Amino acid sequence: MLSRSVFAGLAMLCFTTYASQTAGAEEAIDEAQAPAKKESGAVIYGGLGSAKDASFDESGDTPWSVGGYFGEKYIVGIDLAGEGTKIDNTNNLGGAVTQGLSVNAILGVKALNGDDFKVDVGALLGGRHASASCPSGQSYLGYQCYADTDPSVSWEINYGAILTLSYKAGLVGVRATGESTQVVLGIRF
């Protein structure tokens, strides 16, 4: 009888071990067959740089940027920045030096696209607001220009590059143009 109880115990142990391994394998198969959670590949970032020394013809404001891009193999996005110098001859300012606004497109590639670690490289190309003046003269009644006419605005070409490194959702990088160099921080989702 002892041998039957030992045999029954071993059989029960083997059965429970087999059952637990089989259940774990079925769960693993279900997880493997389930569609993987796919990220959108979108990035949102903000950046700051160091200001130049202000002078009579250069803005000393701190450069900043905000932007975003998306894509699985190639990246496409938009970038807005306060950088460079704008000469403002409106509102009786007489050539005031202010910070220019640039609007740029981002086109690039995913240089490294691992599971957690990613590297993106993109080119920036756009325009920067360089000056504003009143072709019809200054207003003496508080308008921006004489007789409330629109100012003449000039834009210059703005170009540069952006390089970002991300681990999981965190992102750090550098953004450089002819007007400023900035450190960028953002999120990937």
N, C-alpha and C. Protein backbone atom coordinates (compact mmCIF):
# COMPACT_ATOMS: atom_id res chain seq x y z
N MET A 1 0.82 -1.18 0.00
CA MET A 1 0.00 0.00 0.00
C MET A 1 0.87 1.25 0.00
N LEU A 2 2.00 1.14 0.61
CA LEU A 2 2.90 2.28 0.63
C LEU A 2 3.33 2.63 -0.78
N SER A 3 3.56 1.65 -1.58
CA SER A 3 4.00 1.92 -2.94
C SER A 3 2.89 2.57 -3.76
N ARG A 4 1.62 2.18 -3.50
CA ARG A 4 0.52 2.81 -4.21
C ARG A 4 0.38 4.27 -3.80
N SER A 5 0.54 4.59 -2.54
CA SER A 5 0.40 5.97 -2.10
C SER A 5 1.57 6.81 -2.60
N VAL A 6 2.78 6.22 -2.65
CA VAL A 6 3.93 6.93 -3.21
C VAL A 6 3.70 7.16 -4.70
N PHE A 7 3.23 6.12 -5.37
CA PHE A 7 2.95 6.24 -6.80
C PHE A 7 1.87 7.29 -7.05
N ALA A 8 0.83 7.30 -6.24
CA ALA A 8 -0.26 8.26 -6.38
C ALA A 8 0.26 9.68 -6.13
N GLY A 9 1.12 9.84 -5.12
CA GLY A 9 1.70 11.16 -4.81
C GLY A 9 2.57 11.66 -5.95
N LEU A 10 3.40 10.75 -6.50
CA LEU A 10 4.24 11.15 -7.64
C LEU A 10 3.39 11.50 -8.86
N ALA A 11 2.36 10.75 -9.07
CA ALA A 11 1.46 11.03 -10.20
C ALA A 11 0.79 12.38 -10.02
N MET A 12 0.35 12.67 -8.78
CA MET A 12 -0.30 13.94 -8.49
C MET A 12 0.69 15.09 -8.67
N LEU A 13 1.93 14.93 -8.22
CA LEU A 13 2.98 15.94 -8.37
C LEU A 13 3.28 16.21 -9.84
N CYS A 14 3.39 15.13 -10.61
CA CYS A 14 3.64 15.28 -12.06
C CYS A 14 2.47 15.99 -12.74
N PHE A 15 1.25 15.64 -12.37
CA PHE A 15 0.08 16.24 -12.98
C PHE A 15 0.00 17.73 -12.68
N THR A 16 0.20 18.10 -11.41
CA THR A 16 0.12 19.52 -11.05
C THR A 16 1.26 20.32 -11.70
N THR A 17 2.45 19.73 -11.77
CA THR A 17 3.57 20.40 -12.44
C THR A 17 3.25 20.60 -13.91
N TYR A 18 2.74 19.56 -14.58
CA TYR A 18 2.38 19.64 -15.99
C TYR A 18 1.28 20.68 -16.20
N ALA A 19 0.28 20.67 -15.33
CA ALA A 19 -0.85 21.59 -15.46
C ALA A 19 -0.39 23.04 -15.29
N SER A 20 0.48 23.28 -14.32
CA SER A 20 0.94 24.66 -14.11
C SER A 20 1.82 25.13 -15.28
N GLN A 21 2.65 24.25 -15.83
CA GLN A 21 3.50 24.63 -16.96
C GLN A 21 2.66 24.85 -18.21
N THR A 22 1.66 24.03 -18.39
CA THR A 22 0.79 24.17 -19.55
C THR A 22 0.01 25.47 -19.48
N ALA A 23 -0.50 25.81 -18.30
CA ALA A 23 -1.24 27.06 -18.14
C ALA A 23 -0.33 28.25 -18.41
N GLY A 24 0.91 28.20 -17.92
CA GLY A 24 1.87 29.29 -18.17
C GLY A 24 2.21 29.39 -19.64
N ALA A 25 2.32 28.26 -20.31
CA ALA A 25 2.63 28.26 -21.74
C ALA A 25 1.47 28.84 -22.54
N GLU A 26 0.23 28.52 -22.14
CA GLU A 26 -0.92 29.06 -22.84
C GLU A 26 -0.99 30.57 -22.68
N GLU A 27 -0.68 31.08 -21.46
CA GLU A 27 -0.66 32.51 -21.25
C GLU A 27 0.43 33.17 -22.10
N ALA A 28 1.59 32.52 -22.18
CA ALA A 28 2.69 33.05 -22.99
C ALA A 28 2.31 33.08 -24.46
N ILE A 29 1.61 32.04 -24.93
CA ILE A 29 1.16 32.00 -26.31
C ILE A 29 0.15 33.11 -26.56
N ASP A 30 -0.80 33.31 -25.61
CA ASP A 30 -1.78 34.38 -25.75
C ASP A 30 -1.10 35.74 -25.81
N GLU A 31 -0.08 35.97 -24.96
CA GLU A 31 0.64 37.24 -24.97
C GLU A 31 1.42 37.41 -26.27
N ALA A 32 2.00 36.34 -26.77
CA ALA A 32 2.78 36.42 -28.00
C ALA A 32 1.88 36.68 -29.21
N GLN A 33 0.66 36.12 -29.19
CA GLN A 33 -0.24 36.30 -30.31
C GLN A 33 -0.98 37.63 -30.24
N ALA A 34 -1.04 38.23 -29.06
CA ALA A 34 -1.73 39.51 -28.92
C ALA A 34 -0.94 40.57 -29.69
N PRO A 35 -1.64 41.51 -30.32
CA PRO A 35 -0.93 42.55 -31.06
C PRO A 35 -0.10 43.40 -30.10
N ALA A 36 1.12 43.69 -30.52
CA ALA A 36 2.02 44.48 -29.68
C ALA A 36 1.49 45.90 -29.59
N LYS A 37 1.67 46.53 -28.42
CA LYS A 37 1.27 47.91 -28.24
C LYS A 37 2.21 48.77 -29.08
N LYS A 38 1.64 49.50 -30.03
CA LYS A 38 2.46 50.26 -30.96
C LYS A 38 2.42 51.73 -30.59
N GLU A 39 3.61 52.32 -30.47
CA GLU A 39 3.68 53.74 -30.19
C GLU A 39 3.46 54.52 -31.49
N SER A 40 3.00 55.76 -31.34
CA SER A 40 2.71 56.56 -32.52
C SER A 40 3.99 57.13 -33.14
N GLY A 41 5.08 57.19 -32.38
CA GLY A 41 6.32 57.75 -32.90
C GLY A 41 6.33 59.26 -32.86
N ALA A 42 5.34 59.87 -32.19
CA ALA A 42 5.27 61.33 -32.13
C ALA A 42 6.13 61.87 -31.00
N VAL A 43 6.69 63.06 -31.22
CA VAL A 43 7.55 63.72 -30.25
C VAL A 43 7.10 65.17 -30.10
N ILE A 44 7.09 65.65 -28.86
CA ILE A 44 6.86 67.06 -28.57
C ILE A 44 8.05 67.52 -27.74
N TYR A 45 8.60 68.71 -28.07
CA TYR A 45 9.78 69.18 -27.34
C TYR A 45 9.73 70.68 -27.14
N GLY A 46 10.55 71.13 -26.20
CA GLY A 46 10.78 72.55 -25.96
C GLY A 46 12.26 72.74 -25.73
N GLY A 47 12.79 73.90 -26.12
CA GLY A 47 14.22 74.13 -25.99
C GLY A 47 14.55 75.53 -25.53
N LEU A 48 15.72 75.67 -24.91
CA LEU A 48 16.25 76.96 -24.49
C LEU A 48 17.73 77.02 -24.81
N GLY A 49 18.19 78.21 -25.14
CA GLY A 49 19.61 78.41 -25.40
C GLY A 49 20.14 79.57 -24.58
N SER A 50 21.39 79.87 -24.74
CA SER A 50 21.96 81.00 -24.00
C SER A 50 21.86 82.26 -24.87
N ALA A 51 21.59 83.37 -24.20
CA ALA A 51 21.41 84.63 -24.91
C ALA A 51 22.75 85.24 -25.30
N LYS A 52 22.77 85.95 -26.42
CA LYS A 52 23.95 86.71 -26.84
C LYS A 52 23.97 88.02 -26.04
N ASP A 53 25.11 88.66 -26.02
CA ASP A 53 25.19 89.99 -25.41
C ASP A 53 24.43 90.96 -26.30
N ALA A 54 23.51 91.71 -25.70
CA ALA A 54 22.71 92.66 -26.46
C ALA A 54 23.59 93.81 -26.94
N SER A 55 23.29 94.30 -28.12
CA SER A 55 23.99 95.47 -28.66
C SER A 55 22.97 96.31 -29.41
N PHE A 56 23.42 97.39 -30.04
CA PHE A 56 22.48 98.26 -30.74
C PHE A 56 21.84 97.57 -31.94
N ASP A 57 22.46 96.48 -32.46
CA ASP A 57 21.88 95.81 -33.63
C ASP A 57 21.67 94.31 -33.43
N GLU A 58 21.76 93.80 -32.19
CA GLU A 58 21.50 92.39 -31.93
C GLU A 58 20.66 92.22 -30.68
N SER A 59 19.68 91.33 -30.75
CA SER A 59 18.82 91.05 -29.61
C SER A 59 19.57 90.22 -28.58
N GLY A 60 19.35 90.54 -27.32
CA GLY A 60 19.96 89.78 -26.23
C GLY A 60 18.96 88.87 -25.53
N ASP A 61 17.79 88.66 -26.14
CA ASP A 61 16.77 87.81 -25.54
C ASP A 61 17.18 86.34 -25.60
N THR A 62 16.75 85.56 -24.62
CA THR A 62 17.06 84.13 -24.57
C THR A 62 16.33 83.40 -25.69
N PRO A 63 17.04 82.67 -26.54
CA PRO A 63 16.38 81.91 -27.60
C PRO A 63 15.58 80.74 -27.02
N TRP A 64 14.44 80.46 -27.62
CA TRP A 64 13.56 79.38 -27.20
C TRP A 64 12.99 78.68 -28.43
N SER A 65 12.48 77.49 -28.23
CA SER A 65 11.82 76.78 -29.33
C SER A 65 10.81 75.79 -28.77
N VAL A 66 9.78 75.54 -29.56
CA VAL A 66 8.80 74.48 -29.29
C VAL A 66 8.53 73.80 -30.62
N GLY A 67 8.28 72.53 -30.58
CA GLY A 67 8.00 71.84 -31.83
C GLY A 67 7.61 70.40 -31.60
N GLY A 68 7.42 69.74 -32.71
CA GLY A 68 7.05 68.34 -32.65
C GLY A 68 7.22 67.70 -34.01
N TYR A 69 7.35 66.39 -34.00
CA TYR A 69 7.46 65.64 -35.24
C TYR A 69 6.94 64.23 -35.02
N PHE A 70 6.71 63.53 -36.12
CA PHE A 70 6.22 62.16 -36.04
C PHE A 70 6.74 61.37 -37.23
N GLY A 71 6.60 60.07 -37.18
CA GLY A 71 6.98 59.21 -38.28
C GLY A 71 7.58 57.91 -37.78
N GLU A 72 7.47 56.89 -38.60
CA GLU A 72 8.01 55.58 -38.23
C GLU A 72 9.42 55.36 -38.77
N LYS A 73 9.66 55.71 -40.03
CA LYS A 73 10.99 55.55 -40.63
C LYS A 73 11.62 56.92 -40.89
N TYR A 74 10.81 57.83 -41.41
CA TYR A 74 11.22 59.21 -41.66
C TYR A 74 10.42 60.09 -40.71
N ILE A 75 10.96 61.27 -40.38
CA ILE A 75 10.24 62.18 -39.49
C ILE A 75 9.87 63.45 -40.24
N VAL A 76 8.69 63.98 -39.90
CA VAL A 76 8.17 65.21 -40.47
C VAL A 76 7.56 66.00 -39.32
N GLY A 77 7.83 67.30 -39.27
CA GLY A 77 7.27 68.08 -38.18
C GLY A 77 7.38 69.58 -38.39
N ILE A 78 7.09 70.32 -37.33
CA ILE A 78 7.12 71.78 -37.37
C ILE A 78 7.84 72.28 -36.12
N ASP A 79 8.50 73.42 -36.26
CA ASP A 79 9.30 74.00 -35.19
C ASP A 79 9.07 75.51 -35.20
N LEU A 80 8.74 76.07 -34.04
CA LEU A 80 8.60 77.51 -33.87
C LEU A 80 9.66 77.96 -32.88
N ALA A 81 10.30 79.08 -33.15
CA ALA A 81 11.37 79.53 -32.26
C ALA A 81 11.44 81.05 -32.20
N GLY A 82 11.83 81.54 -31.04
CA GLY A 82 12.18 82.93 -30.86
C GLY A 82 13.69 82.98 -30.87
N GLU A 83 14.27 83.49 -31.95
CA GLU A 83 15.72 83.49 -32.09
C GLU A 83 16.14 84.57 -33.06
N GLY A 84 17.36 84.99 -32.96
CA GLY A 84 17.88 86.00 -33.88
C GLY A 84 17.36 87.38 -33.54
N THR A 85 17.47 88.28 -34.49
CA THR A 85 17.14 89.69 -34.28
C THR A 85 16.12 90.15 -35.30
N LYS A 86 15.16 90.95 -34.83
CA LYS A 86 14.19 91.61 -35.70
C LYS A 86 14.30 93.11 -35.43
N ILE A 87 14.42 93.89 -36.49
CA ILE A 87 14.45 95.35 -36.38
C ILE A 87 13.03 95.85 -36.61
N ASP A 88 12.47 96.53 -35.59
CA ASP A 88 11.08 96.96 -35.63
C ASP A 88 11.01 98.48 -35.75
N ASN A 89 10.51 98.95 -36.90
CA ASN A 89 10.34 100.39 -37.14
C ASN A 89 8.87 100.79 -37.11
N THR A 90 8.04 100.01 -36.42
CA THR A 90 6.62 100.35 -36.32
C THR A 90 6.36 100.98 -34.96
N ASN A 91 5.15 101.50 -34.76
CA ASN A 91 4.74 102.09 -33.47
C ASN A 91 5.72 103.14 -32.96
N ASN A 92 6.31 103.91 -33.88
CA ASN A 92 7.28 104.95 -33.51
C ASN A 92 8.44 104.39 -32.69
N LEU A 93 8.81 103.14 -32.94
CA LEU A 93 9.90 102.52 -32.20
C LEU A 93 11.26 102.92 -32.76
N GLY A 94 11.32 103.39 -33.97
CA GLY A 94 12.57 103.89 -34.55
C GLY A 94 13.70 102.88 -34.58
N GLY A 95 13.45 101.70 -35.05
CA GLY A 95 14.50 100.69 -35.21
C GLY A 95 14.79 99.90 -33.95
N ALA A 96 13.77 99.62 -33.17
CA ALA A 96 13.95 98.84 -31.94
C ALA A 96 14.44 97.43 -32.28
N VAL A 97 15.36 96.92 -31.47
CA VAL A 97 15.90 95.58 -31.66
C VAL A 97 15.11 94.62 -30.79
N THR A 98 14.43 93.66 -31.43
CA THR A 98 13.65 92.65 -30.69
C THR A 98 14.03 91.27 -31.21
N GLN A 99 13.48 90.26 -30.56
CA GLN A 99 13.76 88.88 -30.98
C GLN A 99 12.88 88.52 -32.17
N GLY A 100 13.47 87.84 -33.15
CA GLY A 100 12.71 87.39 -34.32
C GLY A 100 12.01 86.07 -34.05
N LEU A 101 10.95 85.83 -34.80
CA LEU A 101 10.22 84.57 -34.72
C LEU A 101 10.53 83.76 -35.96
N SER A 102 10.91 82.50 -35.77
CA SER A 102 11.16 81.65 -36.93
C SER A 102 10.15 80.51 -36.96
N VAL A 103 9.77 80.14 -38.16
CA VAL A 103 8.85 79.04 -38.41
C VAL A 103 9.58 78.08 -39.35
N ASN A 104 9.75 76.83 -38.92
CA ASN A 104 10.56 75.89 -39.68
C ASN A 104 9.86 74.55 -39.86
N ALA A 105 10.13 73.91 -40.97
CA ALA A 105 9.70 72.52 -41.20
C ALA A 105 10.84 71.61 -40.78
N ILE A 106 10.49 70.44 -40.26
CA ILE A 106 11.49 69.43 -39.88
C ILE A 106 11.32 68.24 -40.81
N LEU A 107 12.40 67.83 -41.45
CA LEU A 107 12.42 66.64 -42.29
C LEU A 107 13.66 65.84 -41.90
N GLY A 108 13.48 64.55 -41.61
CA GLY A 108 14.63 63.77 -41.19
C GLY A 108 14.38 62.28 -41.18
N VAL A 109 15.25 61.57 -40.47
CA VAL A 109 15.17 60.10 -40.41
C VAL A 109 15.34 59.63 -38.97
N LYS A 110 14.88 58.44 -38.73
CA LYS A 110 15.16 57.76 -37.47
C LYS A 110 16.47 57.02 -37.68
N ALA A 111 17.54 57.54 -37.11
CA ALA A 111 18.87 56.96 -37.30
C ALA A 111 19.02 55.64 -36.56
N LEU A 112 18.38 55.53 -35.39
CA LEU A 112 18.40 54.30 -34.60
C LEU A 112 17.01 54.13 -34.03
N ASN A 113 16.42 52.97 -34.26
CA ASN A 113 15.04 52.74 -33.84
C ASN A 113 14.94 51.45 -33.05
N GLY A 114 15.56 51.40 -31.87
CA GLY A 114 15.48 50.23 -31.01
C GLY A 114 14.17 50.18 -30.25
N ASP A 115 14.00 49.17 -29.42
CA ASP A 115 12.77 49.05 -28.64
C ASP A 115 12.61 50.20 -27.67
N ASP A 116 13.66 50.51 -26.92
CA ASP A 116 13.60 51.57 -25.91
C ASP A 116 14.41 52.79 -26.30
N PHE A 117 15.54 52.61 -26.96
CA PHE A 117 16.46 53.70 -27.29
C PHE A 117 16.29 54.09 -28.75
N LYS A 118 16.10 55.40 -28.99
CA LYS A 118 15.90 55.89 -30.36
C LYS A 118 16.74 57.15 -30.58
N VAL A 119 17.23 57.32 -31.81
CA VAL A 119 17.97 58.51 -32.21
C VAL A 119 17.33 59.04 -33.49
N ASP A 120 16.94 60.31 -33.46
CA ASP A 120 16.33 60.96 -34.62
C ASP A 120 17.21 62.13 -35.05
N VAL A 121 17.36 62.31 -36.36
CA VAL A 121 18.14 63.41 -36.92
C VAL A 121 17.27 64.09 -37.98
N GLY A 122 17.18 65.42 -37.89
CA GLY A 122 16.36 66.13 -38.85
C GLY A 122 16.97 67.46 -39.27
N ALA A 123 16.61 67.90 -40.46
CA ALA A 123 17.00 69.21 -40.97
C ALA A 123 15.87 70.19 -40.73
N LEU A 124 16.23 71.41 -40.35
CA LEU A 124 15.25 72.49 -40.17
C LEU A 124 15.37 73.45 -41.35
N LEU A 125 14.26 73.80 -41.95
CA LEU A 125 14.27 74.77 -43.04
C LEU A 125 13.01 75.60 -42.96
N GLY A 126 13.18 76.91 -42.92
CA GLY A 126 12.02 77.79 -42.82
C GLY A 126 12.41 79.24 -42.98
N GLY A 127 11.66 80.11 -42.31
CA GLY A 127 11.89 81.54 -42.40
C GLY A 127 11.92 82.19 -41.03
N ARG A 128 12.63 83.32 -40.93
CA ARG A 128 12.73 84.09 -39.69
C ARG A 128 12.31 85.52 -39.96
N HIS A 129 11.43 86.04 -39.10
CA HIS A 129 10.97 87.41 -39.19
C HIS A 129 12.15 88.33 -38.90
N ALA A 130 12.61 89.10 -39.90
CA ALA A 130 13.82 89.89 -39.75
C ALA A 130 13.56 91.38 -39.50
N SER A 131 12.48 91.92 -40.09
CA SER A 131 12.21 93.35 -39.87
C SER A 131 10.75 93.68 -40.17
N ALA A 132 10.33 94.79 -39.60
CA ALA A 132 8.99 95.34 -39.86
C ALA A 132 9.12 96.84 -39.93
N SER A 133 8.54 97.44 -40.97
CA SER A 133 8.61 98.90 -41.12
C SER A 133 7.32 99.41 -41.72
N CYS A 134 7.14 100.70 -41.65
CA CYS A 134 5.93 101.33 -42.17
C CYS A 134 6.25 102.08 -43.46
N PRO A 135 5.84 101.53 -44.60
CA PRO A 135 6.14 102.20 -45.87
C PRO A 135 5.40 103.53 -46.02
N SER A 136 4.27 103.68 -45.35
CA SER A 136 3.51 104.94 -45.48
C SER A 136 3.85 105.93 -44.37
N GLY A 137 4.80 105.59 -43.53
CA GLY A 137 5.23 106.50 -42.47
C GLY A 137 4.65 106.13 -41.11
N GLN A 138 5.13 106.82 -40.09
CA GLN A 138 4.72 106.56 -38.72
C GLN A 138 3.36 107.17 -38.42
N SER A 139 2.65 106.53 -37.52
CA SER A 139 1.36 107.05 -37.07
C SER A 139 1.57 107.91 -35.83
N TYR A 140 0.81 108.99 -35.75
CA TYR A 140 0.88 109.85 -34.56
C TYR A 140 -0.39 109.73 -33.74
N LEU A 141 -1.23 108.75 -34.11
CA LEU A 141 -2.50 108.56 -33.40
C LEU A 141 -2.55 107.23 -32.66
N GLY A 142 -1.40 106.55 -32.52
CA GLY A 142 -1.38 105.30 -31.76
C GLY A 142 -1.49 104.04 -32.61
N TYR A 143 -1.64 104.20 -33.93
CA TYR A 143 -1.68 103.03 -34.80
C TYR A 143 -0.26 102.50 -35.01
N GLN A 144 -0.19 101.27 -35.52
CA GLN A 144 1.13 100.69 -35.80
C GLN A 144 1.83 101.47 -36.91
N CYS A 145 1.07 101.81 -37.95
CA CYS A 145 1.60 102.60 -39.07
C CYS A 145 0.59 103.70 -39.42
N TYR A 146 1.03 104.66 -40.24
CA TYR A 146 0.20 105.79 -40.65
C TYR A 146 -1.12 105.31 -41.27
N ALA A 147 -2.21 105.93 -40.85
CA ALA A 147 -3.56 105.63 -41.35
C ALA A 147 -3.92 104.15 -41.16
N ASP A 148 -3.36 103.52 -40.14
CA ASP A 148 -3.66 102.12 -39.79
C ASP A 148 -3.39 101.16 -40.94
N THR A 149 -2.34 101.45 -41.74
CA THR A 149 -1.95 100.55 -42.82
C THR A 149 -1.09 99.42 -42.25
N ASP A 150 -1.00 98.33 -42.98
CA ASP A 150 -0.20 97.18 -42.53
C ASP A 150 1.28 97.47 -42.73
N PRO A 151 2.10 97.00 -41.81
CA PRO A 151 3.55 97.21 -41.97
C PRO A 151 4.11 96.28 -43.04
N SER A 152 5.24 96.68 -43.58
CA SER A 152 5.98 95.85 -44.51
C SER A 152 6.88 94.93 -43.69
N VAL A 153 6.76 93.64 -43.92
CA VAL A 153 7.49 92.65 -43.12
C VAL A 153 8.46 91.91 -44.03
N SER A 154 9.70 91.73 -43.56
CA SER A 154 10.66 90.95 -44.35
C SER A 154 11.07 89.70 -43.57
N TRP A 155 11.24 88.63 -44.32
CA TRP A 155 11.64 87.33 -43.76
C TRP A 155 12.96 86.92 -44.38
N GLU A 156 13.78 86.24 -43.59
CA GLU A 156 15.03 85.67 -44.09
C GLU A 156 14.98 84.16 -43.95
N ILE A 157 15.76 83.47 -44.76
CA ILE A 157 15.81 82.01 -44.69
C ILE A 157 16.46 81.57 -43.38
N ASN A 158 15.87 80.59 -42.76
CA ASN A 158 16.41 80.02 -41.53
C ASN A 158 16.64 78.54 -41.76
N TYR A 159 17.79 78.04 -41.37
CA TYR A 159 18.09 76.62 -41.57
C TYR A 159 18.93 76.11 -40.42
N GLY A 160 18.90 74.80 -40.22
CA GLY A 160 19.68 74.20 -39.14
C GLY A 160 19.41 72.71 -39.06
N ALA A 161 19.63 72.15 -37.87
CA ALA A 161 19.45 70.71 -37.66
C ALA A 161 18.98 70.45 -36.24
N ILE A 162 18.38 69.29 -36.05
CA ILE A 162 17.98 68.85 -34.72
C ILE A 162 18.39 67.38 -34.58
N LEU A 163 18.93 67.06 -33.41
CA LEU A 163 19.34 65.69 -33.07
C LEU A 163 18.74 65.37 -31.72
N THR A 164 17.97 64.28 -31.63
CA THR A 164 17.36 63.90 -30.36
C THR A 164 17.69 62.45 -30.03
N LEU A 165 17.88 62.20 -28.75
CA LEU A 165 18.10 60.87 -28.21
C LEU A 165 16.96 60.61 -27.23
N SER A 166 16.33 59.45 -27.33
CA SER A 166 15.26 59.16 -26.38
C SER A 166 15.40 57.76 -25.83
N TYR A 167 15.04 57.65 -24.57
CA TYR A 167 14.98 56.36 -23.91
C TYR A 167 13.58 56.23 -23.35
N LYS A 168 12.84 55.24 -23.85
CA LYS A 168 11.43 55.07 -23.53
C LYS A 168 10.70 56.36 -23.87
N ALA A 169 10.11 57.07 -22.89
CA ALA A 169 9.34 58.27 -23.20
C ALA A 169 10.14 59.56 -23.06
N GLY A 170 11.29 59.54 -22.39
CA GLY A 170 12.08 60.75 -22.19
C GLY A 170 12.93 61.08 -23.39
N LEU A 171 13.13 62.36 -23.64
CA LEU A 171 13.87 62.80 -24.83
C LEU A 171 14.78 63.97 -24.46
N VAL A 172 15.99 63.95 -24.96
CA VAL A 172 16.93 65.06 -24.81
C VAL A 172 17.64 65.23 -26.15
N GLY A 173 18.02 66.45 -26.47
CA GLY A 173 18.68 66.67 -27.74
C GLY A 173 19.25 68.05 -27.88
N VAL A 174 19.68 68.36 -29.09
CA VAL A 174 20.23 69.67 -29.41
C VAL A 174 19.62 70.15 -30.72
N ARG A 175 19.34 71.45 -30.78
CA ARG A 175 18.78 72.10 -31.96
C ARG A 175 19.70 73.26 -32.29
N ALA A 176 20.22 73.31 -33.51
CA ALA A 176 21.16 74.37 -33.90
C ALA A 176 20.75 74.98 -35.23
N THR A 177 20.75 76.32 -35.27
CA THR A 177 20.50 77.06 -36.51
C THR A 177 21.59 78.13 -36.63
N GLY A 178 21.50 78.93 -37.67
CA GLY A 178 22.43 80.02 -37.83
C GLY A 178 22.24 81.12 -36.80
N GLU A 179 21.12 81.10 -36.08
CA GLU A 179 20.80 82.14 -35.12
C GLU A 179 20.99 81.72 -33.67
N SER A 180 20.88 80.42 -33.35
CA SER A 180 21.01 79.98 -31.96
C SER A 180 21.30 78.49 -31.88
N THR A 181 21.81 78.08 -30.72
CA THR A 181 21.98 76.66 -30.40
C THR A 181 21.25 76.43 -29.08
N GLN A 182 20.42 75.38 -29.04
CA GLN A 182 19.57 75.15 -27.88
C GLN A 182 19.60 73.69 -27.45
N VAL A 183 19.41 73.48 -26.16
CA VAL A 183 19.19 72.15 -25.61
C VAL A 183 17.69 71.93 -25.59
N VAL A 184 17.24 70.77 -26.08
CA VAL A 184 15.81 70.48 -26.11
C VAL A 184 15.50 69.29 -25.19
N LEU A 185 14.35 69.37 -24.54
CA LEU A 185 13.81 68.29 -23.71
C LEU A 185 12.39 68.03 -24.17
N GLY A 186 11.98 66.76 -24.16
CA GLY A 186 10.64 66.46 -24.61
C GLY A 186 10.19 65.09 -24.23
N ILE A 187 9.08 64.67 -24.82
CA ILE A 187 8.50 63.35 -24.57
C ILE A 187 8.17 62.69 -25.90
N ARG A 188 8.24 61.39 -25.89
CA ARG A 188 7.86 60.57 -27.05
C ARG A 188 6.65 59.76 -26.62
N PHE A 189 5.64 59.72 -27.47
CA PHE A 189 4.45 58.92 -27.15
C PHE A 189 3.93 58.20 -28.35
